């Protein structure tokens, strides 16, 4: 089942994020932040849950803009599937859920960034219809 994250998911989210960025010293998953995201109209922290717990997550932000009239765009961040449960279509279901939501909001595109070193993830994203050759991503950490 895919649902929005709740306060009680903090520890399992931390475990998933640790798989995404194992060496991060800045990671700080806070219960209060999951509630802030849940109450924000254009931000979503989705989790995939089954009897074994939280097995995947992604963040979806709907971004308003002026370039395409009233059509926003979606940005997906921090997508991760528990390393013991990969290959079970969990990532595909999470991406499809985000895409369905973006379609319901009349988004004109969905974007995501992925670490340059995550080749398997890039292959997965391309299988799911994302084109890694159309843009170049840039980040500036603050």
N, C-alpha and C. Protein backbone atom coordinates (compact mmCIF):
# COMPACT_ATOMS: atom_id res chain seq x y z
N UNK A 1 0.84 -1.18 0.00
CA UNK A 1 0.00 0.00 0.00
C UNK A 1 0.89 1.24 0.00
N UNK A 2 0.51 2.23 -0.76
CA UNK A 2 1.21 3.52 -0.78
C UNK A 2 0.35 4.53 -0.04
N UNK A 3 0.99 5.25 0.85
CA UNK A 3 0.30 6.27 1.64
C UNK A 3 1.28 7.39 1.95
N UNK A 4 0.77 8.46 2.54
CA UNK A 4 1.64 9.54 2.98
C UNK A 4 2.28 9.15 4.31
N UNK A 5 3.52 9.54 4.48
CA UNK A 5 4.24 9.23 5.71
C UNK A 5 3.61 9.94 6.90
N UNK A 6 3.79 9.33 8.05
CA UNK A 6 3.29 9.88 9.31
C UNK A 6 4.43 9.91 10.33
N UNK A 7 4.19 10.59 11.45
CA UNK A 7 5.20 10.70 12.50
C UNK A 7 5.79 9.35 12.88
N UNK A 8 4.94 8.36 13.00
CA UNK A 8 5.36 7.03 13.47
C UNK A 8 6.35 6.35 12.52
N UNK A 9 6.52 6.88 11.33
CA UNK A 9 7.40 6.27 10.32
C UNK A 9 8.86 6.71 10.45
N UNK A 10 9.15 7.57 11.39
CA UNK A 10 10.48 8.20 11.50
C UNK A 10 11.63 7.19 11.45
N UNK A 11 11.59 6.18 12.29
CA UNK A 11 12.72 5.25 12.37
C UNK A 11 12.90 4.44 11.09
N UNK A 12 11.81 4.01 10.49
CA UNK A 12 11.92 3.24 9.25
C UNK A 12 12.36 4.12 8.08
N UNK A 13 11.92 5.38 8.08
CA UNK A 13 12.40 6.32 7.06
C UNK A 13 13.90 6.53 7.22
N UNK A 14 14.35 6.68 8.45
CA UNK A 14 15.78 6.84 8.70
C UNK A 14 16.56 5.65 8.15
N UNK A 15 16.05 4.45 8.37
CA UNK A 15 16.73 3.24 7.87
C UNK A 15 16.80 3.25 6.34
N UNK A 16 15.70 3.64 5.69
CA UNK A 16 15.70 3.71 4.22
C UNK A 16 16.68 4.77 3.73
N UNK A 17 16.65 5.95 4.33
CA UNK A 17 17.55 7.02 3.90
C UNK A 17 19.01 6.65 4.13
N UNK A 18 19.28 5.88 5.17
CA UNK A 18 20.65 5.44 5.43
C UNK A 18 21.14 4.57 4.27
N UNK A 19 20.24 3.83 3.63
CA UNK A 19 20.61 3.03 2.46
C UNK A 19 20.88 3.92 1.25
N UNK A 20 20.19 5.06 1.19
CA UNK A 20 20.36 6.00 0.08
C UNK A 20 21.66 6.79 0.22
N UNK A 21 21.93 7.27 1.41
CA UNK A 21 23.13 8.08 1.66
C UNK A 21 23.84 7.55 2.92
N UNK A 22 24.52 6.42 2.78
CA UNK A 22 25.09 5.74 3.95
C UNK A 22 26.14 6.55 4.72
N UNK A 23 26.80 7.47 4.08
CA UNK A 23 27.87 8.22 4.76
C UNK A 23 27.44 9.61 5.21
N UNK A 24 26.16 9.93 5.05
CA UNK A 24 25.70 11.27 5.39
C UNK A 24 25.81 11.53 6.89
N UNK A 25 26.38 12.68 7.22
CA UNK A 25 26.45 13.11 8.61
C UNK A 25 25.38 14.17 8.90
N UNK A 26 24.66 14.57 7.85
CA UNK A 26 23.66 15.63 8.00
C UNK A 26 22.24 15.09 8.12
N UNK A 27 22.06 13.78 7.96
CA UNK A 27 20.72 13.21 7.97
C UNK A 27 20.06 13.44 9.32
N UNK A 28 18.83 13.92 9.29
CA UNK A 28 18.10 14.25 10.51
C UNK A 28 16.61 14.10 10.23
N UNK A 29 16.09 12.88 10.35
CA UNK A 29 14.67 12.62 10.10
C UNK A 29 13.90 13.00 11.35
N UNK A 30 12.95 13.91 11.19
CA UNK A 30 12.20 14.42 12.35
C UNK A 30 10.72 14.15 12.17
N UNK A 31 10.10 13.68 13.23
CA UNK A 31 8.66 13.41 13.22
C UNK A 31 7.88 14.65 12.80
N UNK A 32 8.27 15.80 13.36
CA UNK A 32 7.54 17.03 13.08
C UNK A 32 7.57 17.38 11.59
N UNK A 33 8.68 17.08 10.93
CA UNK A 33 8.80 17.43 9.52
C UNK A 33 7.87 16.58 8.66
N UNK A 34 7.67 15.32 9.05
CA UNK A 34 6.71 14.50 8.27
C UNK A 34 5.31 15.10 8.37
N UNK A 35 4.97 15.66 9.50
CA UNK A 35 3.66 16.30 9.66
C UNK A 35 3.58 17.59 8.85
N UNK A 36 4.65 18.36 8.83
CA UNK A 36 4.67 19.59 8.03
C UNK A 36 4.46 19.25 6.56
N UNK A 37 5.17 18.23 6.09
CA UNK A 37 5.03 17.82 4.68
C UNK A 37 3.62 17.34 4.42
N UNK A 38 3.08 16.54 5.32
CA UNK A 38 1.73 15.99 5.14
C UNK A 38 0.68 17.10 5.05
N UNK A 39 0.91 18.19 5.75
CA UNK A 39 -0.06 19.29 5.75
C UNK A 39 0.20 20.33 4.67
N UNK A 40 1.31 20.22 3.95
CA UNK A 40 1.62 21.17 2.88
C UNK A 40 0.87 20.75 1.60
N UNK A 41 0.22 21.67 0.94
CA UNK A 41 -0.64 21.27 -0.19
C UNK A 41 0.09 20.74 -1.42
N UNK A 42 1.35 21.08 -1.61
CA UNK A 42 2.06 20.67 -2.82
C UNK A 42 3.29 19.79 -2.55
N UNK A 43 3.40 19.27 -1.35
CA UNK A 43 4.54 18.44 -0.99
C UNK A 43 4.05 17.12 -0.42
N UNK A 44 4.70 16.04 -0.82
CA UNK A 44 4.25 14.71 -0.42
C UNK A 44 5.44 13.82 -0.11
N UNK A 45 5.35 13.13 1.00
CA UNK A 45 6.33 12.11 1.36
C UNK A 45 5.57 10.79 1.35
N UNK A 46 5.69 10.07 0.24
CA UNK A 46 4.98 8.82 0.07
C UNK A 46 5.83 7.65 0.56
N UNK A 47 5.18 6.68 1.16
CA UNK A 47 5.85 5.45 1.58
C UNK A 47 5.09 4.25 1.03
N UNK A 48 5.86 3.21 0.75
CA UNK A 48 5.29 1.93 0.36
C UNK A 48 5.40 1.03 1.58
N UNK A 49 4.26 0.53 2.03
CA UNK A 49 4.23 -0.28 3.24
C UNK A 49 3.50 -1.58 2.97
N UNK A 50 4.03 -2.66 3.55
CA UNK A 50 3.30 -3.92 3.57
C UNK A 50 3.50 -4.56 4.94
N UNK A 51 3.17 -5.82 5.07
CA UNK A 51 3.26 -6.49 6.37
C UNK A 51 4.67 -6.50 6.95
N UNK A 52 5.67 -6.32 6.11
CA UNK A 52 7.06 -6.34 6.57
C UNK A 52 7.57 -4.96 6.96
N UNK A 53 6.74 -3.93 6.82
CA UNK A 53 7.12 -2.58 7.21
C UNK A 53 7.20 -1.64 6.03
N UNK A 54 7.92 -0.53 6.21
CA UNK A 54 8.13 0.43 5.13
C UNK A 54 9.25 -0.11 4.25
N UNK A 55 8.93 -0.30 2.98
CA UNK A 55 9.90 -0.89 2.06
C UNK A 55 10.40 0.09 1.02
N UNK A 56 9.81 1.27 0.95
CA UNK A 56 10.24 2.27 -0.02
C UNK A 56 9.63 3.61 0.28
N UNK A 57 10.24 4.63 -0.31
CA UNK A 57 9.73 5.99 -0.12
C UNK A 57 10.18 6.87 -1.27
N UNK A 58 9.46 7.95 -1.48
CA UNK A 58 9.88 9.03 -2.35
C UNK A 58 9.21 10.31 -1.92
N UNK A 59 9.86 11.42 -2.23
CA UNK A 59 9.31 12.73 -1.99
C UNK A 59 8.87 13.31 -3.32
N UNK A 60 7.66 13.86 -3.36
CA UNK A 60 7.14 14.52 -4.56
C UNK A 60 6.79 15.95 -4.19
N UNK A 61 7.32 16.89 -4.96
CA UNK A 61 6.97 18.30 -4.80
C UNK A 61 6.34 18.78 -6.10
N UNK A 62 5.20 19.43 -5.98
CA UNK A 62 4.54 20.04 -7.12
C UNK A 62 4.93 21.51 -7.13
N UNK A 63 5.55 21.93 -8.22
CA UNK A 63 6.10 23.28 -8.32
C UNK A 63 5.26 24.14 -9.26
N UNK A 64 4.82 25.26 -8.76
CA UNK A 64 4.06 26.20 -9.58
C UNK A 64 5.04 27.04 -10.40
N UNK A 65 4.57 27.50 -11.55
CA UNK A 65 5.43 28.30 -12.43
C UNK A 65 4.55 29.17 -13.33
N UNK A 66 5.16 30.07 -14.05
CA UNK A 66 4.43 30.94 -14.97
C UNK A 66 4.65 30.55 -16.43
N UNK A 67 5.65 29.78 -16.73
CA UNK A 67 6.03 29.47 -18.11
C UNK A 67 4.96 28.71 -18.88
N UNK A 68 4.27 27.81 -18.25
CA UNK A 68 3.27 26.96 -18.94
C UNK A 68 1.86 27.23 -18.43
N UNK A 69 1.52 28.49 -18.31
CA UNK A 69 0.19 28.85 -17.85
C UNK A 69 -0.02 28.37 -16.42
N UNK A 70 -1.07 27.59 -16.22
CA UNK A 70 -1.37 27.09 -14.88
C UNK A 70 -0.82 25.69 -14.65
N UNK A 71 -0.04 25.17 -15.59
CA UNK A 71 0.47 23.81 -15.47
C UNK A 71 1.75 23.76 -14.64
N UNK A 72 1.71 23.09 -13.51
CA UNK A 72 2.90 22.95 -12.68
C UNK A 72 3.79 21.80 -13.20
N UNK A 73 4.85 21.53 -12.49
CA UNK A 73 5.68 20.36 -12.78
C UNK A 73 5.99 19.66 -11.47
N UNK A 74 6.33 18.39 -11.56
CA UNK A 74 6.65 17.60 -10.37
C UNK A 74 8.15 17.36 -10.27
N UNK A 75 8.63 17.33 -9.04
CA UNK A 75 10.02 16.99 -8.77
C UNK A 75 10.03 15.84 -7.78
N UNK A 76 10.70 14.78 -8.16
CA UNK A 76 10.84 13.61 -7.29
C UNK A 76 12.23 13.62 -6.69
N UNK A 77 12.29 13.39 -5.41
CA UNK A 77 13.57 13.35 -4.68
C UNK A 77 13.55 12.16 -3.74
N UNK A 78 14.73 11.75 -3.34
CA UNK A 78 14.93 10.76 -2.27
C UNK A 78 14.11 9.49 -2.46
N UNK A 79 14.15 8.95 -3.67
CA UNK A 79 13.46 7.69 -3.91
C UNK A 79 14.41 6.56 -3.52
N UNK A 80 13.91 5.66 -2.70
CA UNK A 80 14.72 4.53 -2.25
C UNK A 80 13.80 3.35 -1.93
N UNK A 81 14.26 2.16 -2.31
CA UNK A 81 13.60 0.92 -1.95
C UNK A 81 14.57 0.14 -1.06
N UNK A 82 14.05 -0.43 0.00
CA UNK A 82 14.87 -1.21 0.93
C UNK A 82 15.69 -2.22 0.14
N UNK A 83 16.98 -2.29 0.43
CA UNK A 83 17.89 -3.13 -0.36
C UNK A 83 17.52 -4.61 -0.34
N UNK A 84 16.82 -5.07 0.67
CA UNK A 84 16.42 -6.49 0.72
C UNK A 84 15.16 -6.78 -0.10
N UNK A 85 14.51 -5.73 -0.62
CA UNK A 85 13.23 -5.92 -1.30
C UNK A 85 13.23 -5.35 -2.72
N UNK A 86 14.40 -5.09 -3.26
CA UNK A 86 14.49 -4.58 -4.62
C UNK A 86 14.13 -5.68 -5.61
N UNK A 87 13.64 -5.28 -6.77
CA UNK A 87 13.24 -6.24 -7.79
C UNK A 87 11.82 -6.74 -7.62
N UNK A 88 11.06 -6.11 -6.73
CA UNK A 88 9.67 -6.52 -6.47
C UNK A 88 8.66 -5.47 -6.95
N UNK A 89 9.10 -4.58 -7.82
CA UNK A 89 8.25 -3.53 -8.40
C UNK A 89 7.81 -2.46 -7.42
N UNK A 90 8.46 -2.36 -6.28
CA UNK A 90 8.10 -1.34 -5.30
C UNK A 90 8.44 0.05 -5.84
N UNK A 91 9.63 0.20 -6.40
CA UNK A 91 10.03 1.48 -6.99
C UNK A 91 9.12 1.88 -8.13
N UNK A 92 8.76 0.91 -8.96
CA UNK A 92 7.85 1.17 -10.08
C UNK A 92 6.50 1.66 -9.55
N UNK A 93 5.99 1.02 -8.52
CA UNK A 93 4.69 1.42 -7.95
C UNK A 93 4.76 2.82 -7.35
N UNK A 94 5.86 3.13 -6.67
CA UNK A 94 6.01 4.47 -6.11
C UNK A 94 6.06 5.52 -7.22
N UNK A 95 6.86 5.26 -8.26
CA UNK A 95 6.94 6.21 -9.37
C UNK A 95 5.60 6.36 -10.08
N UNK A 96 4.89 5.26 -10.26
CA UNK A 96 3.58 5.32 -10.92
C UNK A 96 2.59 6.13 -10.08
N UNK A 97 2.66 5.95 -8.77
CA UNK A 97 1.79 6.72 -7.87
C UNK A 97 2.08 8.22 -8.02
N UNK A 98 3.35 8.58 -8.03
CA UNK A 98 3.73 9.99 -8.20
C UNK A 98 3.30 10.50 -9.56
N UNK A 99 3.50 9.70 -10.61
CA UNK A 99 3.10 10.12 -11.95
C UNK A 99 1.59 10.30 -12.04
N UNK A 100 0.83 9.37 -11.47
CA UNK A 100 -0.63 9.50 -11.48
C UNK A 100 -1.06 10.78 -10.78
N UNK A 101 -0.42 11.10 -9.66
CA UNK A 101 -0.77 12.33 -8.96
C UNK A 101 -0.43 13.55 -9.82
N UNK A 102 0.75 13.52 -10.45
CA UNK A 102 1.13 14.64 -11.32
C UNK A 102 0.15 14.81 -12.47
N UNK A 103 -0.29 13.72 -13.05
CA UNK A 103 -1.30 13.81 -14.11
C UNK A 103 -2.59 14.44 -13.58
N UNK A 104 -2.98 14.05 -12.38
CA UNK A 104 -4.22 14.60 -11.80
C UNK A 104 -4.10 16.11 -11.55
N UNK A 105 -2.88 16.60 -11.39
CA UNK A 105 -2.62 18.03 -11.18
C UNK A 105 -2.32 18.75 -12.50
N UNK A 106 -2.42 18.04 -13.62
CA UNK A 106 -2.14 18.57 -14.95
C UNK A 106 -0.70 19.07 -15.08
N UNK A 107 0.23 18.38 -14.41
CA UNK A 107 1.65 18.72 -14.55
C UNK A 107 2.08 18.47 -15.99
N UNK A 108 3.01 19.27 -16.47
CA UNK A 108 3.49 19.06 -17.84
C UNK A 108 4.75 18.22 -17.88
N UNK A 109 5.40 18.00 -16.73
CA UNK A 109 6.57 17.11 -16.71
C UNK A 109 6.87 16.72 -15.26
N UNK A 110 7.68 15.67 -15.15
CA UNK A 110 8.22 15.23 -13.86
C UNK A 110 9.73 15.17 -14.02
N UNK A 111 10.42 15.68 -13.02
CA UNK A 111 11.88 15.65 -13.04
C UNK A 111 12.38 14.93 -11.80
N UNK A 112 13.59 14.40 -11.93
CA UNK A 112 14.27 13.87 -10.76
C UNK A 112 15.76 13.97 -10.97
N UNK A 113 16.47 14.03 -9.89
CA UNK A 113 17.93 14.00 -9.91
C UNK A 113 18.37 12.69 -9.25
N UNK A 114 19.49 12.19 -9.69
CA UNK A 114 20.05 10.98 -9.11
C UNK A 114 21.57 11.13 -9.08
N UNK A 115 22.17 10.65 -8.03
CA UNK A 115 23.62 10.73 -7.91
C UNK A 115 24.28 10.13 -9.14
N UNK A 116 25.30 10.78 -9.62
CA UNK A 116 26.02 10.36 -10.82
C UNK A 116 26.54 8.93 -10.70
N UNK A 117 26.73 8.44 -9.50
CA UNK A 117 27.31 7.12 -9.27
C UNK A 117 26.28 5.99 -9.21
N UNK A 118 25.00 6.31 -9.27
CA UNK A 118 23.96 5.29 -9.08
C UNK A 118 23.50 4.70 -10.41
N UNK A 119 24.40 3.99 -11.08
CA UNK A 119 24.12 3.46 -12.42
C UNK A 119 22.88 2.56 -12.47
N UNK A 120 22.72 1.68 -11.49
CA UNK A 120 21.55 0.79 -11.49
C UNK A 120 20.26 1.59 -11.37
N UNK A 121 20.29 2.64 -10.55
CA UNK A 121 19.12 3.50 -10.41
C UNK A 121 18.82 4.21 -11.72
N UNK A 122 19.86 4.65 -12.43
CA UNK A 122 19.67 5.33 -13.71
C UNK A 122 19.02 4.39 -14.71
N UNK A 123 19.45 3.16 -14.75
CA UNK A 123 18.85 2.17 -15.65
C UNK A 123 17.37 1.98 -15.31
N UNK A 124 17.08 1.91 -14.03
CA UNK A 124 15.69 1.78 -13.58
C UNK A 124 14.86 2.98 -14.03
N UNK A 125 15.36 4.19 -13.81
CA UNK A 125 14.62 5.39 -14.19
C UNK A 125 14.37 5.42 -15.69
N UNK A 126 15.36 5.03 -16.47
CA UNK A 126 15.17 5.01 -17.92
C UNK A 126 14.14 3.97 -18.32
N UNK A 127 14.13 2.82 -17.68
CA UNK A 127 13.09 1.81 -17.96
C UNK A 127 11.70 2.35 -17.64
N UNK A 128 11.63 3.26 -16.68
CA UNK A 128 10.35 3.84 -16.27
C UNK A 128 9.97 5.07 -17.09
N UNK A 129 10.75 5.37 -18.12
CA UNK A 129 10.38 6.44 -19.04
C UNK A 129 11.07 7.77 -18.83
N UNK A 130 11.98 7.87 -17.87
CA UNK A 130 12.73 9.10 -17.65
C UNK A 130 13.92 9.12 -18.60
N UNK A 131 14.19 10.29 -19.17
CA UNK A 131 15.27 10.44 -20.14
C UNK A 131 16.41 11.21 -19.50
N UNK A 132 17.53 10.53 -19.27
CA UNK A 132 18.67 11.15 -18.63
C UNK A 132 19.54 11.97 -19.56
N UNK A 133 19.16 12.03 -20.85
CA UNK A 133 20.00 12.75 -21.80
C UNK A 133 19.47 14.13 -22.17
N UNK A 134 18.35 14.56 -21.61
CA UNK A 134 17.75 15.82 -22.04
C UNK A 134 18.15 17.03 -21.20
N UNK A 135 18.65 16.79 -20.01
CA UNK A 135 19.03 17.90 -19.13
C UNK A 135 20.29 17.52 -18.36
N UNK A 136 20.90 18.53 -17.80
CA UNK A 136 22.04 18.31 -16.91
C UNK A 136 21.67 18.93 -15.57
N UNK A 137 21.81 18.17 -14.52
CA UNK A 137 21.44 18.66 -13.19
C UNK A 137 22.60 19.34 -12.50
N UNK A 138 22.27 20.33 -11.70
CA UNK A 138 23.26 21.04 -10.91
C UNK A 138 22.76 21.15 -9.49
N UNK A 139 23.67 21.08 -8.53
CA UNK A 139 23.32 21.24 -7.12
C UNK A 139 24.32 22.19 -6.48
N UNK A 140 23.83 22.94 -5.53
CA UNK A 140 24.70 23.77 -4.70
C UNK A 140 24.23 23.56 -3.27
N UNK A 141 25.07 22.92 -2.47
CA UNK A 141 24.70 22.66 -1.08
C UNK A 141 24.96 23.90 -0.24
N UNK A 142 24.03 24.15 0.65
CA UNK A 142 24.13 25.33 1.52
C UNK A 142 24.33 24.90 2.96
